[in-house]
C-alpha atoms as a PDB file:
ATOM      1  CA  MET A   1       2.560   8.994  10.978  1.00  0.00           C
ATOM      2  CA  SER A   2      -0.462   7.985  10.217  1.00  0.00           C
ATOM      3  CA  ARG A   3      -1.223   3.770  10.974  1.00  0.00           C
ATOM      4  CA  ARG A   4      -3.016   3.953   7.367  1.00  0.00           C
ATOM      5  CA  LEU A   5      -0.338   5.489   5.718  1.00  0.00           C
ATOM      6  CA  HIS A   6       1.986   2.593   6.430  1.00  0.00           C
ATOM      7  CA  VAL A   7      -0.276   0.024   5.210  1.00  0.00           C
ATOM      8  CA  PHE A   8      -1.066   1.689   1.851  1.00  0.00           C
ATOM      9  CA  LEU A   9       1.998   2.690   0.768  1.00  0.00           C
ATOM     10  CA  ALA A  10       1.943  -0.208   2.662  1.00  0.00           C
ATOM     11  CA  LEU A  11       4.880   3.115   1.209  1.00  0.00           C
ATOM     12  CA  VAL A  12      13.484  10.437  -1.156  1.00  0.00           C
ATOM     13  CA  PHE A  13      14.036  14.423  -1.398  1.00  0.00           C
ATOM     14  CA  GLY A  14      17.021  16.436  -2.270  1.00  0.00           C
ATOM     15  CA  LEU A  15      19.649  16.453  -4.528  1.00  0.00           C
ATOM     16  CA  LEU A  16      21.493  13.531  -3.367  1.00  0.00           C
ATOM     17  CA  LEU A  17      18.997  11.562  -2.631  1.00  0.00           C
ATOM     18  CA  ALA A  18      17.599  11.531  -5.797  1.00  0.00           C
ATOM     19  CA  ALA A  19      20.956  11.270  -7.774  1.00  0.00           C
ATOM     20  CA  GLY A  20      21.163   7.802  -5.799  1.00  0.00           C
ATOM     21  CA  ALA A  21      18.099   6.814  -6.650  1.00  0.00           C
ATOM     22  CA  LEU A  22      19.147   7.541 -10.389  1.00  0.00           C
ATOM     23  CA  ALA A  23      22.224   5.803  -9.786  1.00  0.00           C
ATOM     24  CA  LYS A  24      20.802   2.326  -9.442  1.00  0.00           C
ATOM     25  CA  PRO A  25      17.359   0.395  -9.821  1.00  0.00           C
ATOM     26  CA  PRO A  26      15.690  -0.056  -6.061  1.00  0.00           C
ATOM     27  CA  THR A  27      16.734  -3.142  -4.187  1.00  0.00           C
ATOM     28  CA  PRO A  28      13.671  -5.480  -5.051  1.00  0.00           C
ATOM     29  CA  LEU A  29      11.669  -7.178  -1.776  1.00  0.00           C
ATOM     30  CA  LEU A  30      10.996 -10.206  -3.658  1.00  0.00           C
ATOM     31  CA  TRP A  31      10.684 -13.719  -3.042  1.00  0.00           C
ATOM     32  CA  LYS A  32      10.493 -17.071  -4.494  1.00  0.00           C
ATOM     33  CA  ALA A  33       8.203 -19.468  -3.081  1.00  0.00           C
ATOM     34  CA  SER A  34       8.454 -22.888  -4.701  1.00  0.00           C
ATOM     35  CA  LYS A  35       6.162 -26.195  -4.114  1.00  0.00           C
ATOM     36  CA  GLY A  36       7.317 -29.464  -6.786  1.00  0.00           C
ATOM     37  CA  ASP A  37       5.685 -27.248  -9.847  1.00  0.00           C
ATOM     38  CA  THR A  38       4.699 -24.283  -8.832  1.00  0.00           C
ATOM     39  CA  THR A  39       6.560 -21.329  -8.201  1.00  0.00           C
ATOM     40  CA  ILE A  40       4.614 -18.066  -6.723  1.00  0.00           C
ATOM     41  CA  TYR A  41       7.243 -14.458  -7.037  1.00  0.00           C
ATOM     42  CA  LEU A  42       6.222 -12.221  -4.025  1.00  0.00           C
ATOM     43  CA  LEU A  43       6.748  -8.820  -4.849  1.00  0.00           C
ATOM     44  CA  GLY A  44       6.694  -5.906  -2.440  1.00  0.00           C
ATOM     45  CA  SER A  45       5.297  -2.647  -3.730  1.00  0.00           C
ATOM     46  CA  LEU A  46       4.537   0.905  -2.456  1.00  0.00           C
ATOM     47  CA  HIS A  47       1.567   2.227  -3.788  1.00  0.00           C
ATOM     48  CA  ILE A  48       2.885   5.779  -5.053  1.00  0.00           C
ATOM     49  CA  LEU A  49       6.278   6.426  -5.670  1.00  0.00           C
ATOM     50  CA  LEU A  50       8.415   8.594  -7.558  1.00  0.00           C
ATOM     51  CA  ALA A  51       9.814   8.871 -11.334  1.00  0.00           C
ATOM     52  CA  SER A  52      12.972   8.252 -10.787  1.00  0.00           C
ATOM     53  CA  ASP A  53      12.100   4.517  -8.879  1.00  0.00           C
ATOM     54  CA  TYR A  54      12.573   3.425 -12.878  1.00  0.00           C
ATOM     55  CA  PRO A  55      14.079   1.266 -14.068  1.00  0.00           C
ATOM     56  CA  LEU A  56      13.396  -1.503 -11.902  1.00  0.00           C
ATOM     57  CA  SER A  57      16.009  -4.530 -11.487  1.00  0.00           C
ATOM     58  CA  ASP A  58      17.334  -7.523 -13.510  1.00  0.00           C
ATOM     59  CA  ASP A  59      15.214  -9.395 -11.179  1.00  0.00           C
ATOM     60  CA  VAL A  60      12.319  -8.073 -11.109  1.00  0.00           C
ATOM     61  CA  GLN A  61      12.392  -7.558 -14.977  1.00  0.00           C
ATOM     62  CA  GLY A  62      12.689 -11.697 -14.884  1.00  0.00           C
ATOM     63  CA  ALA A  63       9.997 -12.426 -12.399  1.00  0.00           C
ATOM     64  CA  TYR A  64       7.709 -10.192 -14.871  1.00  0.00           C
ATOM     65  CA  ARG A  65       8.839 -11.573 -17.650  1.00  0.00           C
ATOM     66  CA  GLY A  66       8.549 -15.245 -17.041  1.00  0.00           C
ATOM     67  CA  ALA A  67       5.234 -14.755 -15.146  1.00  0.00           C
ATOM     68  CA  ALA A  68       2.282 -16.538 -16.615  1.00  0.00           C
ATOM     69  CA  GLN A  69      -0.177 -14.737 -14.679  1.00  0.00           C
ATOM     70  CA  VAL A  70       0.201 -11.662 -12.345  1.00  0.00           C
ATOM     71  CA  VAL A  71      -1.848 -11.344  -9.082  1.00  0.00           C
ATOM     72  CA  PHE A  72      -2.679  -7.935  -6.914  1.00  0.00           C
ATOM     73  CA  GLU A  73      -4.428  -7.051  -3.881  1.00  0.00           C
ATOM     74  CA  VAL A  74      -7.398  -6.276  -6.465  1.00  0.00           C
ATOM     75  CA  PRO A  75      -7.967  -7.185 -10.174  1.00  0.00           C
ATOM     76  CA  PRO A  76      -6.633  -4.678 -12.528  1.00  0.00           C
ATOM     77  CA  ALA A  77     -10.309  -4.423 -14.239  1.00  0.00           C
ATOM     78  CA  GLU A  78     -11.703  -2.995 -10.656  1.00  0.00           C
ATOM     79  CA  MET A  79      -9.091  -0.277 -10.222  1.00  0.00           C
ATOM     80  CA  ASN A  80     -11.269   2.369 -12.233  1.00  0.00           C
ATOM     81  CA  PRO A  81     -11.452   5.605 -10.828  1.00  0.00           C
ATOM     82  CA  LEU A  82     -15.124   5.998 -12.219  1.00  0.00           C
ATOM     83  CA  ALA A  83     -16.375   3.132 -10.935  1.00  0.00           C
ATOM     84  CA  LEU A  84     -15.155   3.878  -7.591  1.00  0.00           C
ATOM     85  CA  LEU A  85     -16.738   7.298  -7.105  1.00  0.00           C
ATOM     86  CA  GLY A  86     -19.962   5.356  -5.584  1.00  0.00           C
ATOM     87  CA  PRO A  87     -18.946   3.304  -3.320  1.00  0.00           C
ATOM     88  CA  THR A  88     -16.369   5.910  -2.340  1.00  0.00           C
ATOM     89  CA  ALA A  89     -18.836   8.516  -1.657  1.00  0.00           C
ATOM     90  CA  THR A  90     -21.457   5.569  -0.052  1.00  0.00           C
ATOM     91  CA  LEU A  91     -18.880   4.678   2.391  1.00  0.00           C
ATOM     92  CA  GLY A  92     -16.498   7.738   2.987  1.00  0.00           C
ATOM     93  CA  MET A  93     -19.451  10.407   3.102  1.00  0.00           C
ATOM     94  CA  TYR A  94     -22.042  11.082   6.066  1.00  0.00           C
ATOM     95  CA  GLN A  95     -25.444  10.169   4.592  1.00  0.00           C
ATOM     96  CA  ASP A  96     -27.237  11.162   7.660  1.00  0.00           C
ATOM     97  CA  PRO A  97     -27.561  15.370   7.102  1.00  0.00           C
ATOM     98  CA  SER A  98     -27.869  15.608  10.764  1.00  0.00           C
ATOM     99  CA  GLU A  99     -24.481  14.099  10.778  1.00  0.00           C
ATOM    100  CA  SER A 100     -21.032  15.923  10.165  1.00  0.00           C
ATOM    101  CA  LEU A 101     -17.545  15.961  10.271  1.00  0.00           C
ATOM    102  CA  GLU A 102     -17.438  19.034  12.688  1.00  0.00           C
ATOM    103  CA  ALA A 103     -19.812  17.887  14.823  1.00  0.00           C
ATOM    104  CA  ASP A 104     -17.024  14.242  15.340  1.00  0.00           C
ATOM    105  CA  LEU A 105     -14.225  16.075  15.583  1.00  0.00           C
ATOM    106  CA  GLY A 106     -15.335  19.014  18.127  1.00  0.00           C
ATOM    107  CA  PRO A 107     -14.226  22.820  18.034  1.00  0.00           C
ATOM    108  CA  GLU A 108     -10.270  21.890  18.612  1.00  0.00           C
ATOM    109  CA  LEU A 109      -9.824  19.239  15.694  1.00  0.00           C
ATOM    110  CA  TRP A 110     -12.143  20.806  13.309  1.00  0.00           C
ATOM    111  CA  GLN A 111     -10.396  24.059  13.538  1.00  0.00           C
ATOM    112  CA  ARG A 112      -7.421  22.753  12.717  1.00  0.00           C
ATOM    113  CA  LEU A 113      -8.729  20.808   9.491  1.00  0.00           C
ATOM    114  CA  SER A 114     -10.468  23.668   8.138  1.00  0.00           C
ATOM    115  CA  ALA A 115      -7.502  25.685   8.425  1.00  0.00           C
ATOM    116  CA  TYR A 116      -5.664  23.204   6.392  1.00  0.00           C
ATOM    117  CA  GLY A 117      -8.347  22.864   3.881  1.00  0.00           C
ATOM    118  CA  GLN A 118      -8.354  26.837   3.327  1.00  0.00           C
ATOM    119  CA  LYS A 119      -4.764  26.116   2.594  1.00  0.00           C
ATOM    120  CA  ASN A 120      -4.959  23.991   0.317  1.00  0.00           C
ATOM    121  CA  GLY A 121      -7.970  24.536  -1.503  1.00  0.00           C
ATOM    122  CA  LEU A 122     -10.706  22.476   0.335  1.00  0.00           C
ATOM    123  CA  SER A 123     -13.740  23.732   1.168  1.00  0.00           C
ATOM    124  CA  ALA A 124     -15.705  23.837   4.610  1.00  0.00           C
ATOM    125  CA  PHE A 125     -18.485  22.237   3.017  1.00  0.00           C
ATOM    126  CA  MET A 126     -16.630  19.273   1.334  1.00  0.00           C
ATOM    127  CA  LEU A 127     -15.023  18.397   4.335  1.00  0.00           C
ATOM    128  CA  LYS A 128     -17.686  18.310   6.649  1.00  0.00           C
ATOM    129  CA  ARG A 129     -19.829  15.756   4.931  1.00  0.00           C
ATOM    130  CA  MET A 130     -16.381  13.660   4.662  1.00  0.00           C
ATOM    131  CA  ARG A 131     -15.941  10.973   7.170  1.00  0.00           C
ATOM    132  CA  PRO A 132     -12.866  11.186   9.489  1.00  0.00           C
ATOM    133  CA  TRP A 133     -11.116   8.560   7.152  1.00  0.00           C
ATOM    134  CA  LEU A 134     -11.681   9.940   3.829  1.00  0.00           C
ATOM    135  CA  ALA A 135     -10.787  13.349   5.407  1.00  0.00           C
ATOM    136  CA  SER A 136      -7.158  11.473   6.115  1.00  0.00           C
ATOM    137  CA  MET A 137      -6.987  10.182   2.884  1.00  0.00           C
ATOM    138  CA  THR A 138      -7.571  13.117   0.970  1.00  0.00           C
ATOM    139  CA  ILE A 139      -4.861  14.945   3.051  1.00  0.00           C
ATOM    140  CA  LEU A 140      -2.263  12.292   2.265  1.00  0.00           C
ATOM    141  CA  ALA A 141      -3.210  12.231  -1.447  1.00  0.00           C
ATOM    142  CA  LEU A 142      -2.088  15.771  -1.147  1.00  0.00           C
ATOM    143  CA  GLU A 143       0.678  15.834   0.842  1.00  0.00           C
ATOM    144  CA  THR A 144       2.336  12.929  -1.185  1.00  0.00           C
ATOM    145  CA  LYS A 145       1.708  14.710  -4.609  1.00  0.00           C
ATOM    146  CA  LYS A 146       3.441  17.802  -3.245  1.00  0.00           C
ATOM    147  CA  LEU A 147       6.422  16.224  -2.803  1.00  0.00           C
ATOM    148  CA  SER A 148       6.343  14.451  -6.366  1.00  0.00           C
ATOM    149  CA  TYR A 149       4.871  10.768  -5.301  1.00  0.00           C
ATOM    150  CA  ASP A 150       2.230   9.691  -8.026  1.00  0.00           C
ATOM    151  CA  PRO A 151       0.155   6.901  -7.537  1.00  0.00           C
ATOM    152  CA  ASN A 152       0.259   6.259 -11.252  1.00  0.00           C
ATOM    153  CA  LEU A 153       4.062   5.803 -10.951  1.00  0.00           C
ATOM    154  CA  GLY A 154       3.491   2.795  -7.978  1.00  0.00           C
ATOM    155  CA  LEU A 155       4.389  -0.559  -8.513  1.00  0.00           C
ATOM    156  CA  ASP A 156       1.394  -2.082  -9.064  1.00  0.00           C
ATOM    157  CA  LYS A 157       0.145   0.436 -11.134  1.00  0.00           C
ATOM    158  CA  HIS A 158       3.155  -0.169 -13.371  1.00  0.00           C
ATOM    159  CA  PHE A 159       2.797  -3.572 -13.898  1.00  0.00           C
ATOM    160  CA  MET A 160      -1.131  -3.370 -13.916  1.00  0.00           C
ATOM    161  CA  ASP A 161      -0.571  -1.520 -17.333  1.00  0.00           C
ATOM    162  CA  ARG A 162       2.376  -3.622 -18.641  1.00  0.00           C
ATOM    163  CA  SER A 163       0.379  -6.861 -17.740  1.00  0.00           C
ATOM    164  CA  ALA A 164      -2.472  -5.219 -20.338  1.00  0.00           C
ATOM    165  CA  ALA A 165      -0.373  -3.817 -23.131  1.00  0.00           C
ATOM    166  CA  ASP A 166       1.324  -7.477 -22.708  1.00  0.00           C
ATOM    167  CA  ARG A 167      -1.915  -8.952 -22.700  1.00  0.00           C
ATOM    168  CA  LYS A 168      -0.807 -11.104 -19.589  1.00  0.00           C
ATOM    169  CA  ALA A 169      -3.096 -12.838 -17.151  1.00  0.00           C
ATOM    170  CA  THR A 170      -4.013 -10.931 -14.499  1.00  0.00           C
ATOM    171  CA  GLY A 171      -5.831 -11.395 -10.725  1.00  0.00           C
ATOM    172  CA  GLY A 172      -6.643 -10.139  -7.935  1.00  0.00           C
ATOM    173  CA  PHE A 173      -7.177 -11.639  -3.882  1.00  0.00           C
ATOM    174  CA  GLU A 174     -10.528  -9.131  -3.300  1.00  0.00           C
ATOM    175  CA  THR A 175     -12.414  -6.216  -5.103  1.00  0.00           C
ATOM    176  CA  ALA A 176     -12.083  -2.497  -4.491  1.00  0.00           C
ATOM    177  CA  GLN A 177     -14.957  -2.429  -2.336  1.00  0.00           C
ATOM    178  CA  GLN A 178     -13.946  -4.900  -0.053  1.00  0.00           C
ATOM    179  CA  GLN A 179     -10.753  -2.923   0.596  1.00  0.00           C
ATOM    180  CA  LEU A 180     -12.760   0.150   1.024  1.00  0.00           C
ATOM    181  CA  ARG A 181     -15.200  -1.748   3.211  1.00  0.00           C
ATOM    182  CA  ILE A 182     -12.091  -2.662   5.842  1.00  0.00           C
ATOM    183  CA  ILE A 183     -11.142   0.887   5.834  1.00  0.00           C
ATOM    184  CA  ALA A 184     -14.623   2.290   6.836  1.00  0.00           C
ATOM    185  CA  GLY A 185     -15.451   0.034   8.952  1.00  0.00           C
ATOM    186  CA  THR A 186     -12.381   1.095  11.081  1.00  0.00           C
ATOM    187  CA  PRO A 187     -14.395   2.382  14.237  1.00  0.00           C
ATOM    188  CA  LYS A 188     -15.041   6.186  14.149  1.00  0.00           C
ATOM    189  CA  ALA A 189     -12.936   6.875  17.502  1.00  0.00           C
ATOM    190  CA  GLU A 190      -9.817   5.234  15.916  1.00  0.00           C
ATOM    191  CA  GLN A 191     -10.383   6.839  12.375  1.00  0.00           C
ATOM    192  CA  ILE A 192     -10.441  10.126  14.301  1.00  0.00           C
ATOM    193  CA  ARG A 193      -7.252   9.433  15.794  1.00  0.00           C
ATOM    194  CA  ASP A 194      -5.352   8.761  12.553  1.00  0.00           C
ATOM    195  CA  LEU A 195      -7.064  12.193  11.822  1.00  0.00           C
ATOM    196  CA  ARG A 196      -5.236  14.116  14.607  1.00  0.00           C
ATOM    197  CA  GLU A 197      -2.424  11.680  13.874  1.00  0.00           C
ATOM    198  CA  MET A 198      -2.112  12.851  10.129  1.00  0.00           C
ATOM    199  CA  LEU A 199      -2.541  16.577  11.038  1.00  0.00           C
ATOM    200  CA  ASP A 200      -0.031  16.504  13.809  1.00  0.00           C
ATOM    201  CA  ASP A 201       2.936  14.747  11.436  1.00  0.00           C
ATOM    202  CA  LEU A 202       2.540  17.390   8.537  1.00  0.00           C
ATOM    203  CA  PRO A 203       6.029  19.181   9.598  1.00  0.00           C
ATOM    204  CA  LYS A 204       7.742  16.208   9.172  1.00  0.00           C
ATOM    205  CA  PHE A 205       5.779  14.460   6.434  1.00  0.00           C
ATOM    206  CA  SER A 206       8.258  14.904   3.960  1.00  0.00           C
ATOM    207  CA  GLN A 207      11.021  13.483   5.728  1.00  0.00           C
ATOM    208  CA  LYS A 208       9.294  10.452   7.431  1.00  0.00           C
ATOM    209  CA  MET A 209       7.873   9.802   3.737  1.00  0.00           C
ATOM    210  CA  ALA A 210      11.176  10.184   2.376  1.00  0.00           C
ATOM    211  CA  GLN A 211      12.504   7.417   5.691  1.00  0.00           C
ATOM    212  CA  MET A 212       9.853   5.043   4.621  1.00  0.00           C
ATOM    213  CA  HIS A 213      10.914   5.447   0.649  1.00  0.00           C
ATOM    214  CA  GLY A 214      14.182   4.850   1.496  1.00  0.00           C
ATOM    215  CA  MET A 215      13.799   1.606   3.287  1.00  0.00           C
ATOM    216  CA  TRP A 216      11.832   0.378   0.505  1.00  0.00           C
ATOM    217  CA  ARG A 217      14.517   1.748  -2.311  1.00  0.00           C
ATOM    218  CA  GLU A 218      17.047  -0.206   0.177  1.00  0.00           C
ATOM    219  CA  GLY A 219      15.056  -3.674  -0.009  1.00  0.00           C
ATOM    220  CA  ASN A 220      15.504  -3.100   3.902  1.00  0.00           C
ATOM    221  CA  ALA A 221      12.995  -5.578   4.915  1.00  0.00           C
ATOM    222  CA  GLY A 222      13.841  -5.716   8.738  1.00  0.00           C
ATOM    223  CA  ALA A 223      13.777  -1.834   9.034  1.00  0.00           C
ATOM    224  CA  LEU A 224      10.094  -2.137   6.955  1.00  0.00           C
ATOM    225  CA  TYR A 225       9.106  -4.439   9.855  1.00  0.00           C
ATOM    226  CA  ALA A 226      10.044  -2.972  12.665  1.00  0.00           C
ATOM    227  CA  GLU A 227       8.423   0.723  11.548  1.00  0.00           C
ATOM    228  CA  GLU A 228       5.369  -1.777  11.073  1.00  0.00           C
ATOM    229  CA  LEU A 229       5.533  -2.916  14.936  1.00  0.00           C
ATOM    230  CA  LYS A 230       6.335   0.537  16.386  1.00  0.00           C
ATOM    231  CA  GLU A 231       3.062   1.924  14.325  1.00  0.00           C
ATOM    232  CA  PHE A 232       0.705  -0.951  15.038  1.00  0.00           C
ATOM    233  CA  LYS A 233       1.944  -0.914  18.939  1.00  0.00           C
ATOM    234  CA  ASP A 234      -1.067   0.407  20.884  1.00  0.00           C
ATOM    235  CA  GLN A 235      -3.679  -1.204  17.992  1.00  0.00           C
ATOM    236  CA  PRO A 236      -2.991  -4.487  17.303  1.00  0.00           C
ATOM    237  CA  ASP A 237      -6.805  -4.836  16.565  1.00  0.00           C
ATOM    238  CA  MET A 238      -6.262  -2.585  13.452  1.00  0.00           C
ATOM    239  CA  GLN A 239      -2.753  -4.662  12.207  1.00  0.00           C
ATOM    240  CA  ARG A 240      -5.041  -8.043  12.006  1.00  0.00           C
ATOM    241  CA  ARG A 241      -7.950  -5.964  10.363  1.00  0.00           C
ATOM    242  CA  MET A 242      -5.785  -4.524   7.918  1.00  0.00           C
ATOM    243  CA  LEU A 243      -2.449  -6.911   7.659  1.00  0.00           C
ATOM    244  CA  ASP A 244      -3.355 -10.261   9.256  1.00  0.00           C
ATOM    245  CA  ASP A 245      -6.485 -11.092   8.657  1.00  0.00           C
ATOM    246  CA  ARG A 246      -6.304 -10.455   4.852  1.00  0.00           C
ATOM    247  CA  ASN A 247      -3.044 -12.039   4.413  1.00  0.00           C
ATOM    248  CA  ARG A 248      -4.300 -15.862   6.032  1.00  0.00           C
ATOM    249  CA  ASP A 249      -7.726 -15.426   3.726  1.00  0.00           C
ATOM    250  CA  TRP A 250      -5.731 -14.669   0.313  1.00  0.00           C
ATOM    251  CA  VAL A 251      -3.042 -18.034   1.054  1.00  0.00           C
ATOM    252  CA  PRO A 252      -5.628 -20.629  -0.157  1.00  0.00           C
ATOM    253  CA  LYS A 253      -7.161 -18.391  -2.637  1.00  0.00           C
ATOM    254  CA  LEU A 254      -3.206 -18.034  -4.227  1.00  0.00           C
ATOM    255  CA  ASP A 255      -2.972 -21.615  -3.788  1.00  0.00           C
ATOM    256  CA  LYS A 256      -5.641 -21.985  -6.291  1.00  0.00           C
ATOM    257  CA  ILE A 257      -4.755 -19.798  -8.462  1.00  0.00           C
ATOM    258  CA  ALA A 258      -0.938 -20.929  -8.600  1.00  0.00           C
ATOM    259  CA  ALA A 259      -2.571 -24.640  -9.144  1.00  0.00           C
ATOM    260  CA  SER A 260      -4.652 -23.476 -12.043  1.00  0.00           C
ATOM    261  CA  THR A 261      -1.652 -21.526 -13.795  1.00  0.00           C
ATOM    262  CA  LYS A 262       0.746 -23.231 -15.846  1.00  0.00           C
ATOM    263  CA  GLY A 263       3.515 -21.651 -15.303  1.00  0.00           C
ATOM    264  CA  PRO A 264       5.181 -19.417 -12.402  1.00  0.00           C
ATOM    265  CA  VAL A 265       2.992 -16.818 -10.533  1.00  0.00           C
ATOM    266  CA  LEU A 266       3.978 -13.402  -9.762  1.00  0.00           C
ATOM    267  CA  VAL A 267       2.243 -11.687  -6.593  1.00  0.00           C
ATOM    268  CA  ILE A 268       2.352  -7.716  -6.274  1.00  0.00           C
ATOM    269  CA  VAL A 269       0.835  -6.399  -3.069  1.00  0.00           C
ATOM    270  CA  GLY A 270       2.140  -3.636  -0.618  1.00  0.00           C
ATOM    271  CA  ALA A 271       4.949  -4.329   1.017  1.00  0.00           C
ATOM    272  CA  MET A 272       3.859  -4.322   4.798  1.00  0.00           C
ATOM    273  CA  HIS A 273       1.714  -7.573   3.748  1.00  0.00           C
ATOM    274  CA  LEU A 274       4.730  -9.862   2.834  1.00  0.00           C
ATOM    275  CA  LEU A 275       6.629  -8.992   6.220  1.00  0.00           C
ATOM    276  CA  GLY A 276       6.715 -11.246   9.589  1.00  0.00           C
ATOM    277  CA  PRO A 277       5.201 -14.188  11.202  1.00  0.00           C
ATOM    278  CA  ASP A 278       1.899 -13.254   9.359  1.00  0.00           C
ATOM    279  CA  GLY A 279       3.397 -12.096   6.300  1.00  0.00           C
ATOM    280  CA  LEU A 280       2.962 -13.384   3.618  1.00  0.00           C
ATOM    281  CA  VAL A 281       6.709 -14.820   3.022  1.00  0.00           C
ATOM    282  CA  GLN A 282       6.088 -16.821   6.609  1.00  0.00           C
ATOM    283  CA  LEU A 283       3.099 -18.061   6.167  1.00  0.00           C
ATOM    284  CA  LEU A 284       3.662 -19.669   2.672  1.00  0.00           C
ATOM    285  CA  GLY A 285       6.448 -21.545   4.187  1.00  0.00           C
ATOM    286  CA  LYS A 286       4.238 -22.727   6.731  1.00  0.00           C
ATOM    287  CA  ASP A 287       2.339 -23.719   3.856  1.00  0.00           C
ATOM    288  CA  GLY A 288       4.796 -26.419   2.388  1.00  0.00           C
ATOM    289  CA  TYR A 289       6.786 -23.698  -0.033  1.00  0.00           C
ATOM    290  CA  ARG A 290      10.523 -23.490   0.290  1.00  0.00           C
ATOM    291  CA  VAL A 291      10.515 -20.167   0.319  1.00  0.00           C
ATOM    292  CA  GLU A 292      14.351 -17.371  -1.053  1.00  0.00           C
ATOM    293  CA  ARG A 293      14.559 -13.896  -1.120  1.00  0.00           C
ATOM    294  CA  VAL A 294      15.875 -12.911  -4.525  1.00  0.00           C
ATOM    295  CA  CYS A 295      18.306 -10.241  -5.036  1.00  0.00           C
ATOM    296  CA  THR A 296      20.779 -10.753  -7.244  1.00  0.00           C
ATOM    297  CA  GLY A 297      24.331  -9.463  -6.705  1.00  0.00           C
ATOM    298  CA  CYS A 298      23.065  -8.232  -2.956  1.00  0.00           C
ATOM    299  CA  VAL A 299      25.000  -9.072   0.461  1.00  0.00           C
ATOM    300  CA  GLY A 300      23.654  -9.615   3.752  1.00  0.00           C
ATOM    301  CA  VAL A 301      19.574  -9.041   2.587  1.00  0.00           C
ATOM    302  CA  ARG A 302      16.865 -12.335   3.654  1.00  0.00           C
END
């Protein structure tokens, strides 16, 4: 599965799995970090979810209700689709008429991509103008939609909407344009490799999505981190750019936010940002916080 899928979904099919999802809320990837009078809750999100993932657990609901501020990767005010059209077009489309995705991919891969486009309502003209990373994300959006995953049901979007309705203070670590530039800044060869992997994985896409979604629903931090290591095994630079560097950049920002907030802070970011030695959970521990997993009634969850 494409590495970017794991980062940004950073991310259940069949009657039995759907019934299981309806039976109980997901086990939360939720941690509490305490230092003096400061309390920070860390909640691992998938940016797209199913309707059956709601309602959420009492632990998550309690962390939200008690939070004086809710912090996301990007401030809610920046998550305006219309405002993102310009930057996405600038960074995701070839600006030079002499360049094209067809030329960059070569005949074999371009033929596979254009065949996919014909089956899924994407014109060859439009695809030719996309840079490889945007083509990958377009395929991802189409395939997840087929499986009923919805970005409007993502955990961060859910709490952005609730925070607005409840008039809760919100914030973010980086701008939407910064996130786009991180993706667009990936070397072209890696973008093409990801696009090829995306097409290669289409026959087993639903199975892999179900697997990753199941790990998230189970709150299985160990399995999710093992999957992260496997996906980035041959591309440590990408892991550093996409996750590790950003996590380290977020910690001092979070310290300042928490220090200026009267009450607990709830941080909601992609689940992969919390895991491993360079994840926010461990980084806050190194920063002097006492960190503990929050999972009432869970057995053997850390």
